[in-house]
Amino acid sequence: MDGKKAVVDFQGNQVTAEAGLVRVKPGDRVLVHAGCILQVLSEEEGDRMQELFEELEEVMKDEDPGISAEL
């Protein structure tokens, strides 16, 4: 955290996101869109989102093995 900016790590990809819309703290699992943190996720929500992204990546690989999805 740096003021209203936060570094968010998603599967090893680190991005800086605007954190001024919701209260966040280091270690929170968050939903980010267009560079803004929109929501702090519960542990269950975070786990489910992770599962969905993993499923999506598998579907994309099955559709075209040459595609490497970076979600």
PDB file of N, CA and C in Angstrom:
ATOM      1  N   MET A   1       0.855  -1.184   0.000  1.00  0.00           N
ATOM      2  CA  MET A   1       0.000   0.000   0.000  1.00  0.00           C
ATOM      3  C   MET A   1       0.899   1.246   0.000  1.00  0.00           C
ATOM      4  N   ASP A   2       0.475   2.208  -0.784  1.00  0.00           N
ATOM      5  CA  ASP A   2       1.170   3.486  -0.818  1.00  0.00           C
ATOM      6  C   ASP A   2       0.099   4.556  -1.020  1.00  0.00           C
ATOM      7  N   GLY A   3      -0.405   5.073   0.088  1.00  0.00           N
ATOM      8  CA  GLY A   3      -1.498   6.033   0.000  1.00  0.00           C
ATOM      9  C   GLY A   3      -2.747   5.340  -0.501  1.00  0.00           C
ATOM     10  N   LYS A   4      -3.244   5.788  -1.660  1.00  0.00           N
ATOM     11  CA  LYS A   4      -4.440   5.182  -2.242  1.00  0.00           C
ATOM     12  C   LYS A   4      -4.102   4.238  -3.392  1.00  0.00           C
ATOM     13  N   LYS A   5      -2.872   3.801  -3.440  1.00  0.00           N
ATOM     14  CA  LYS A   5      -2.428   2.830  -4.446  1.00  0.00           C
ATOM     15  C   LYS A   5      -2.001   1.555  -3.725  1.00  0.00           C
ATOM     16  N   ALA A   6      -2.223   0.420  -4.391  1.00  0.00           N
ATOM     17  CA  ALA A   6      -1.822  -0.857  -3.823  1.00  0.00           C
ATOM     18  C   ALA A   6      -1.226  -1.727  -4.916  1.00  0.00           C
ATOM     19  N   VAL A   7      -0.221  -2.496  -4.562  1.00  0.00           N
ATOM     20  CA  VAL A   7       0.324  -3.476  -5.484  1.00  0.00           C
ATOM     21  C   VAL A   7      -0.458  -4.751  -5.266  1.00  0.00           C
ATOM     22  N   VAL A   8      -1.056  -5.249  -6.350  1.00  0.00           N
ATOM     23  CA  VAL A   8      -1.884  -6.449  -6.294  1.00  0.00           C
ATOM     24  C   VAL A   8      -1.151  -7.544  -7.061  1.00  0.00           C
ATOM     25  N   ASP A   9      -1.034  -8.711  -6.438  1.00  0.00           N
ATOM     26  CA  ASP A   9      -0.376  -9.855  -7.058  1.00  0.00           C
ATOM     27  C   ASP A   9      -1.430 -10.866  -7.460  1.00  0.00           C
ATOM     28  N   PHE A  10      -1.464 -11.174  -8.745  1.00  0.00           N
ATOM     29  CA  PHE A  10      -2.393 -12.183  -9.243  1.00  0.00           C
ATOM     30  C   PHE A  10      -1.588 -13.239  -9.973  1.00  0.00           C
ATOM     31  N   GLN A  11      -1.398 -14.362  -9.334  1.00  0.00           N
ATOM     32  CA  GLN A  11      -0.650 -15.480  -9.895  1.00  0.00           C
ATOM     33  C   GLN A  11       0.725 -15.046 -10.393  1.00  0.00           C
ATOM     34  N   GLY A  12       1.393 -14.231  -9.622  1.00  0.00           N
ATOM     35  CA  GLY A  12       2.734 -13.794  -9.965  1.00  0.00           C
ATOM     36  C   GLY A  12       2.810 -12.526 -10.789  1.00  0.00           C
ATOM     37  N   ASN A  13       1.685 -12.063 -11.313  1.00  0.00           N
ATOM     38  CA  ASN A  13       1.643 -10.797 -12.050  1.00  0.00           C
ATOM     39  C   ASN A  13       1.307  -9.686 -11.068  1.00  0.00           C
ATOM     40  N   GLN A  14       2.204  -8.713 -10.964  1.00  0.00           N
ATOM     41  CA  GLN A  14       1.970  -7.614 -10.045  1.00  0.00           C
ATOM     42  C   GLN A  14       1.560  -6.367 -10.800  1.00  0.00           C
ATOM     43  N   VAL A  15       0.474  -5.757 -10.338  1.00  0.00           N
ATOM     44  CA  VAL A  15      -0.023  -4.518 -10.933  1.00  0.00           C
ATOM     45  C   VAL A  15      -0.323  -3.524  -9.817  1.00  0.00           C
ATOM     46  N   THR A  16      -0.251  -2.269 -10.146  1.00  0.00           N
ATOM     47  CA  THR A  16      -0.628  -1.222  -9.197  1.00  0.00           C
ATOM     48  C   THR A  16      -2.079  -0.860  -9.475  1.00  0.00           C
ATOM     49  N   ALA A  17      -2.886  -0.845  -8.419  1.00  0.00           N
ATOM     50  CA  ALA A  17      -4.311  -0.557  -8.563  1.00  0.00           C
ATOM     51  C   ALA A  17      -4.716   0.564  -7.616  1.00  0.00           C
ATOM     52  N   GLU A  18      -5.704   1.320  -8.035  1.00  0.00           N
ATOM     53  CA  GLU A  18      -6.275   2.390  -7.214  1.00  0.00           C
ATOM     54  C   GLU A  18      -7.054   1.755  -6.069  1.00  0.00           C
ATOM     55  N   ALA A  19      -6.736   2.146  -4.847  1.00  0.00           N
ATOM     56  CA  ALA A  19      -7.369   1.545  -3.668  1.00  0.00           C
ATOM     57  C   ALA A  19      -8.260   2.527  -2.923  1.00  0.00           C
ATOM     58  N   GLY A  20      -8.667   3.589  -3.550  1.00  0.00           N
ATOM     59  CA  GLY A  20      -9.444   4.613  -2.862  1.00  0.00           C
ATOM     60  C   GLY A  20     -10.944   4.372  -2.803  1.00  0.00           C
ATOM     61  N   LEU A  21     -11.443   3.353  -3.519  1.00  0.00           N
ATOM     62  CA  LEU A  21     -12.885   3.122  -3.547  1.00  0.00           C
ATOM     63  C   LEU A  21     -13.378   2.275  -2.372  1.00  0.00           C
ATOM     64  N   VAL A  22     -12.532   1.397  -1.871  1.00  0.00           N
ATOM     65  CA  VAL A  22     -12.893   0.514  -0.754  1.00  0.00           C
ATOM     66  C   VAL A  22     -11.745   0.468   0.247  1.00  0.00           C
ATOM     67  N   ARG A  23     -12.055   0.084   1.467  1.00  0.00           N
ATOM     68  CA  ARG A  23     -11.007  -0.053   2.488  1.00  0.00           C
ATOM     69  C   ARG A  23     -10.306  -1.394   2.304  1.00  0.00           C
ATOM     70  N   VAL A  24      -9.016  -1.335   2.088  1.00  0.00           N
ATOM     71  CA  VAL A  24      -8.224  -2.549   1.927  1.00  0.00           C
ATOM     72  C   VAL A  24      -7.006  -2.489   2.833  1.00  0.00           C
ATOM     73  N   LYS A  25      -6.473  -3.664   3.110  1.00  0.00           N
ATOM     74  CA  LYS A  25      -5.238  -3.750   3.886  1.00  0.00           C
ATOM     75  C   LYS A  25      -4.371  -4.835   3.269  1.00  0.00           C
ATOM     76  N   PRO A  26      -3.075  -4.805   3.521  1.00  0.00           N
ATOM     77  CA  PRO A  26      -2.207  -5.840   2.970  1.00  0.00           C
ATOM     78  C   PRO A  26      -2.722  -7.243   3.330  1.00  0.00           C
ATOM     79  N   GLY A  27      -2.717  -8.112   2.335  1.00  0.00           N
ATOM     80  CA  GLY A  27      -3.182  -9.477   2.541  1.00  0.00           C
ATOM     81  C   GLY A  27      -4.616  -9.716   2.104  1.00  0.00           C
ATOM     82  N   ASP A  28      -5.393  -8.645   1.904  1.00  0.00           N
ATOM     83  CA  ASP A  28      -6.770  -8.802   1.437  1.00  0.00           C
ATOM     84  C   ASP A  28      -6.776  -9.379   0.028  1.00  0.00           C
ATOM     85  N   ARG A  29      -7.773 -10.209  -0.250  1.00  0.00           N
ATOM     86  CA  ARG A  29      -8.015 -10.687  -1.605  1.00  0.00           C
ATOM     87  C   ARG A  29      -9.052  -9.737  -2.196  1.00  0.00           C
ATOM     88  N   VAL A  30      -8.743  -9.227  -3.393  1.00  0.00           N
ATOM     89  CA  VAL A  30      -9.567  -8.164  -3.951  1.00  0.00           C
ATOM     90  C   VAL A  30      -9.962  -8.452  -5.389  1.00  0.00           C
ATOM     91  N   LEU A  31     -11.026  -7.793  -5.810  1.00  0.00           N
ATOM     92  CA  LEU A  31     -11.492  -7.819  -7.191  1.00  0.00           C
ATOM     93  C   LEU A  31     -11.048  -6.507  -7.828  1.00  0.00           C
ATOM     94  N   VAL A  32     -10.298  -6.620  -8.928  1.00  0.00           N
ATOM     95  CA  VAL A  32      -9.761  -5.439  -9.608  1.00  0.00           C
ATOM     96  C   VAL A  32     -10.311  -5.400 -11.029  1.00  0.00           C
ATOM     97  N   HIS A  33     -10.733  -4.212 -11.436  1.00  0.00           N
ATOM     98  CA  HIS A  33     -11.169  -3.994 -12.816  1.00  0.00           C
ATOM     99  C   HIS A  33     -10.707  -2.623 -13.254  1.00  0.00           C
ATOM    100  N   ALA A  34     -10.135  -2.578 -14.439  1.00  0.00           N
ATOM    101  CA  ALA A  34      -9.688  -1.310 -15.032  1.00  0.00           C
ATOM    102  C   ALA A  34      -8.774  -0.522 -14.090  1.00  0.00           C
ATOM    103  N   GLY A  35      -7.921  -1.246 -13.365  1.00  0.00           N
ATOM    104  CA  GLY A  35      -6.955  -0.592 -12.507  1.00  0.00           C
ATOM    105  C   GLY A  35      -7.479  -0.115 -11.170  1.00  0.00           C
ATOM    106  N   CYS A  36      -8.725  -0.473 -10.826  1.00  0.00           N
ATOM    107  CA  CYS A  36      -9.320  -0.055  -9.557  1.00  0.00           C
ATOM    108  C   CYS A  36      -9.756  -1.267  -8.745  1.00  0.00           C
ATOM    109  N   ILE A  37      -9.477  -1.242  -7.467  1.00  0.00           N
ATOM    110  CA  ILE A  37      -9.976  -2.280  -6.571  1.00  0.00           C
ATOM    111  C   ILE A  37     -11.444  -1.965  -6.315  1.00  0.00           C
ATOM    112  N   LEU A  38     -12.306  -2.903  -6.692  1.00  0.00           N
ATOM    113  CA  LEU A  38     -13.748  -2.689  -6.570  1.00  0.00           C
ATOM    114  C   LEU A  38     -14.335  -3.316  -5.323  1.00  0.00           C
ATOM    115  N   GLN A  39     -13.692  -4.391  -4.824  1.00  0.00           N
ATOM    116  CA  GLN A  39     -14.298  -5.138  -3.730  1.00  0.00           C
ATOM    117  C   GLN A  39     -13.241  -5.962  -3.012  1.00  0.00           C
ATOM    118  N   VAL A  40     -13.368  -6.060  -1.700  1.00  0.00           N
ATOM    119  CA  VAL A  40     -12.583  -7.004  -0.913  1.00  0.00           C
ATOM    120  C   VAL A  40     -13.379  -8.301  -0.880  1.00  0.00           C
ATOM    121  N   LEU A  41     -12.724  -9.407  -1.208  1.00  0.00           N
ATOM    122  CA  LEU A  41     -13.387 -10.700  -1.275  1.00  0.00           C
ATOM    123  C   LEU A  41     -13.210 -11.485   0.017  1.00  0.00           C
ATOM    124  N   SER A  42     -14.219 -12.249   0.367  1.00  0.00           N
ATOM    125  CA  SER A  42     -14.073 -13.180   1.488  1.00  0.00           C
ATOM    126  C   SER A  42     -13.156 -14.316   1.035  1.00  0.00           C
ATOM    127  N   GLU A  43     -12.713 -15.125   1.951  1.00  0.00           N
ATOM    128  CA  GLU A  43     -11.861 -16.253   1.603  1.00  0.00           C
ATOM    129  C   GLU A  43     -12.577 -17.180   0.618  1.00  0.00           C
ATOM    130  N   GLU A  44     -13.852 -17.434   0.872  1.00  0.00           N
ATOM    131  CA  GLU A  44     -14.635 -18.313  -0.004  1.00  0.00           C
ATOM    132  C   GLU A  44     -14.778 -17.708  -1.406  1.00  0.00           C
ATOM    133  N   GLU A  45     -15.074 -16.404  -1.478  1.00  0.00           N
ATOM    134  CA  GLU A  45     -15.211 -15.741  -2.768  1.00  0.00           C
ATOM    135  C   GLU A  45     -13.886 -15.764  -3.531  1.00  0.00           C
ATOM    136  N   GLY A  46     -12.805 -15.514  -2.826  1.00  0.00           N
ATOM    137  CA  GLY A  46     -11.485 -15.524  -3.451  1.00  0.00           C
ATOM    138  C   GLY A  46     -11.132 -16.902  -3.983  1.00  0.00           C
ATOM    139  N   ASP A  47     -11.434 -17.938  -3.200  1.00  0.00           N
ATOM    140  CA  ASP A  47     -11.167 -19.310  -3.643  1.00  0.00           C
ATOM    141  C   ASP A  47     -11.990 -19.646  -4.879  1.00  0.00           C
ATOM    142  N   ARG A  48     -13.254 -19.261  -4.880  1.00  0.00           N
ATOM    143  CA  ARG A  48     -14.135 -19.559  -6.010  1.00  0.00           C
ATOM    144  C   ARG A  48     -13.694 -18.808  -7.262  1.00  0.00           C
ATOM    145  N   MET A  49     -13.302 -17.553  -7.120  1.00  0.00           N
ATOM    146  CA  MET A  49     -12.808 -16.790  -8.266  1.00  0.00           C
ATOM    147  C   MET A  49     -11.556 -17.449  -8.839  1.00  0.00           C
ATOM    148  N   GLN A  50     -10.668 -17.899  -7.975  1.00  0.00           N
ATOM    149  CA  GLN A  50      -9.454 -18.573  -8.424  1.00  0.00           C
ATOM    150  C   GLN A  50      -9.805 -19.829  -9.211  1.00  0.00           C
ATOM    151  N   GLU A  51     -10.747 -20.617  -8.693  1.00  0.00           N
ATOM    152  CA  GLU A  51     -11.187 -21.828  -9.388  1.00  0.00           C
ATOM    153  C   GLU A  51     -11.763 -21.492 -10.764  1.00  0.00           C
ATOM    154  N   LEU A  52     -12.574 -20.450 -10.830  1.00  0.00           N
ATOM    155  CA  LEU A  52     -13.186 -20.061 -12.103  1.00  0.00           C
ATOM    156  C   LEU A  52     -12.132 -19.633 -13.125  1.00  0.00           C
ATOM    157  N   PHE A  53     -11.128 -18.877 -12.695  1.00  0.00           N
ATOM    158  CA  PHE A  53     -10.073 -18.463 -13.609  1.00  0.00           C
ATOM    159  C   PHE A  53      -9.266 -19.662 -14.091  1.00  0.00           C
ATOM    160  N   GLU A  54      -9.024 -20.631 -13.207  1.00  0.00           N
ATOM    161  CA  GLU A  54      -8.308 -21.836 -13.605  1.00  0.00           C
ATOM    162  C   GLU A  54      -9.128 -22.640 -14.616  1.00  0.00           C
ATOM    163  N   GLU A  55     -10.440 -22.744 -14.400  1.00  0.00           N
ATOM    164  CA  GLU A  55     -11.317 -23.439 -15.349  1.00  0.00           C
ATOM    165  C   GLU A  55     -11.327 -22.726 -16.694  1.00  0.00           C
ATOM    166  N   LEU A  56     -11.399 -21.419 -16.680  1.00  0.00           N
ATOM    167  CA  LEU A  56     -11.395 -20.635 -17.910  1.00  0.00           C
ATOM    168  C   LEU A  56     -10.097 -20.851 -18.683  1.00  0.00           C
ATOM    169  N   GLU A  57      -8.996 -20.864 -17.982  1.00  0.00           N
ATOM    170  CA  GLU A  57      -7.706 -21.091 -18.628  1.00  0.00           C
ATOM    171  C   GLU A  57      -7.680 -22.463 -19.296  1.00  0.00           C
ATOM    172  N   GLU A  58      -8.201 -23.484 -18.638  1.00  0.00           N
ATOM    173  CA  GLU A  58      -8.255 -24.827 -19.219  1.00  0.00           C
ATOM    174  C   GLU A  58      -9.134 -24.858 -20.461  1.00  0.00           C
ATOM    175  N   VAL A  59     -10.290 -24.211 -20.400  1.00  0.00           N
ATOM    176  CA  VAL A  59     -11.191 -24.167 -21.557  1.00  0.00           C
ATOM    177  C   VAL A  59     -10.504 -23.486 -22.731  1.00  0.00           C
ATOM    178  N   MET A  60      -9.822 -22.390 -22.455  1.00  0.00           N
ATOM    179  CA  MET A  60      -9.138 -21.663 -23.525  1.00  0.00           C
ATOM    180  C   MET A  60      -8.029 -22.518 -24.144  1.00  0.00           C
ATOM    181  N   LYS A  61      -7.312 -23.255 -23.344  1.00  0.00           N
ATOM    182  CA  LYS A  61      -6.259 -24.136 -23.864  1.00  0.00           C
ATOM    183  C   LYS A  61      -6.869 -25.244 -24.710  1.00  0.00           C
ATOM    184  N   ASP A  62      -8.008 -25.789 -24.283  1.00  0.00           N
ATOM    185  CA  ASP A  62      -8.679 -26.849 -25.033  1.00  0.00           C
ATOM    186  C   ASP A  62      -9.182 -26.338 -26.379  1.00  0.00           C
ATOM    187  N   GLU A  63      -9.642 -25.093 -26.429  1.00  0.00           N
ATOM    188  CA  GLU A  63     -10.157 -24.503 -27.661  1.00  0.00           C
ATOM    189  C   GLU A  63      -9.044 -24.298 -28.683  1.00  0.00           C
ATOM    190  N   ASP A  64      -7.902 -23.810 -28.236  1.00  0.00           N
ATOM    191  CA  ASP A  64      -6.765 -23.554 -29.108  1.00  0.00           C
ATOM    192  C   ASP A  64      -5.490 -23.764 -28.295  1.00  0.00           C
ATOM    193  N   PRO A  65      -4.844 -24.924 -28.452  1.00  0.00           N
ATOM    194  CA  PRO A  65      -3.652 -25.226 -27.646  1.00  0.00           C
ATOM    195  C   PRO A  65      -2.547 -24.197 -27.806  1.00  0.00           C
ATOM    196  N   GLY A  66      -2.570 -23.393 -28.868  1.00  0.00           N
ATOM    197  CA  GLY A  66      -1.553 -22.368 -29.068  1.00  0.00           C
ATOM    198  C   GLY A  66      -1.777 -21.130 -28.230  1.00  0.00           C
ATOM    199  N   ILE A  67      -2.953 -21.023 -27.620  1.00  0.00           N
ATOM    200  CA  ILE A  67      -3.273 -19.860 -26.800  1.00  0.00           C
ATOM    201  C   ILE A  67      -2.747 -20.080 -25.395  1.00  0.00           C
ATOM    202  N   SER A  68      -2.016 -19.130 -24.899  1.00  0.00           N
ATOM    203  CA  SER A  68      -1.547 -19.160 -23.524  1.00  0.00           C
ATOM    204  C   SER A  68      -2.294 -18.077 -22.777  1.00  0.00           C
ATOM    205  N   ALA A  69      -3.280 -18.483 -21.978  1.00  0.00           N
ATOM    206  CA  ALA A  69      -4.103 -17.515 -21.252  1.00  0.00           C
ATOM    207  C   ALA A  69      -3.341 -16.995 -20.045  1.00  0.00           C
ATOM    208  N   GLU A  70      -3.226 -15.691 -19.947  1.00  0.00           N
ATOM    209  CA  GLU A  70      -2.656 -15.070 -18.767  1.00  0.00           C
ATOM    210  C   GLU A  70      -3.762 -14.321 -18.088  1.00  0.00           C
ATOM    211  N   LEU A  71      -4.412 -14.987 -17.138  1.00  0.00           N
ATOM    212  CA  LEU A  71      -5.545 -14.391 -16.425  1.00  0.00           C
ATOM    213  C   LEU A  71      -5.099 -13.905 -15.077  1.00  0.00           C
TER     214      LEU A  71
END
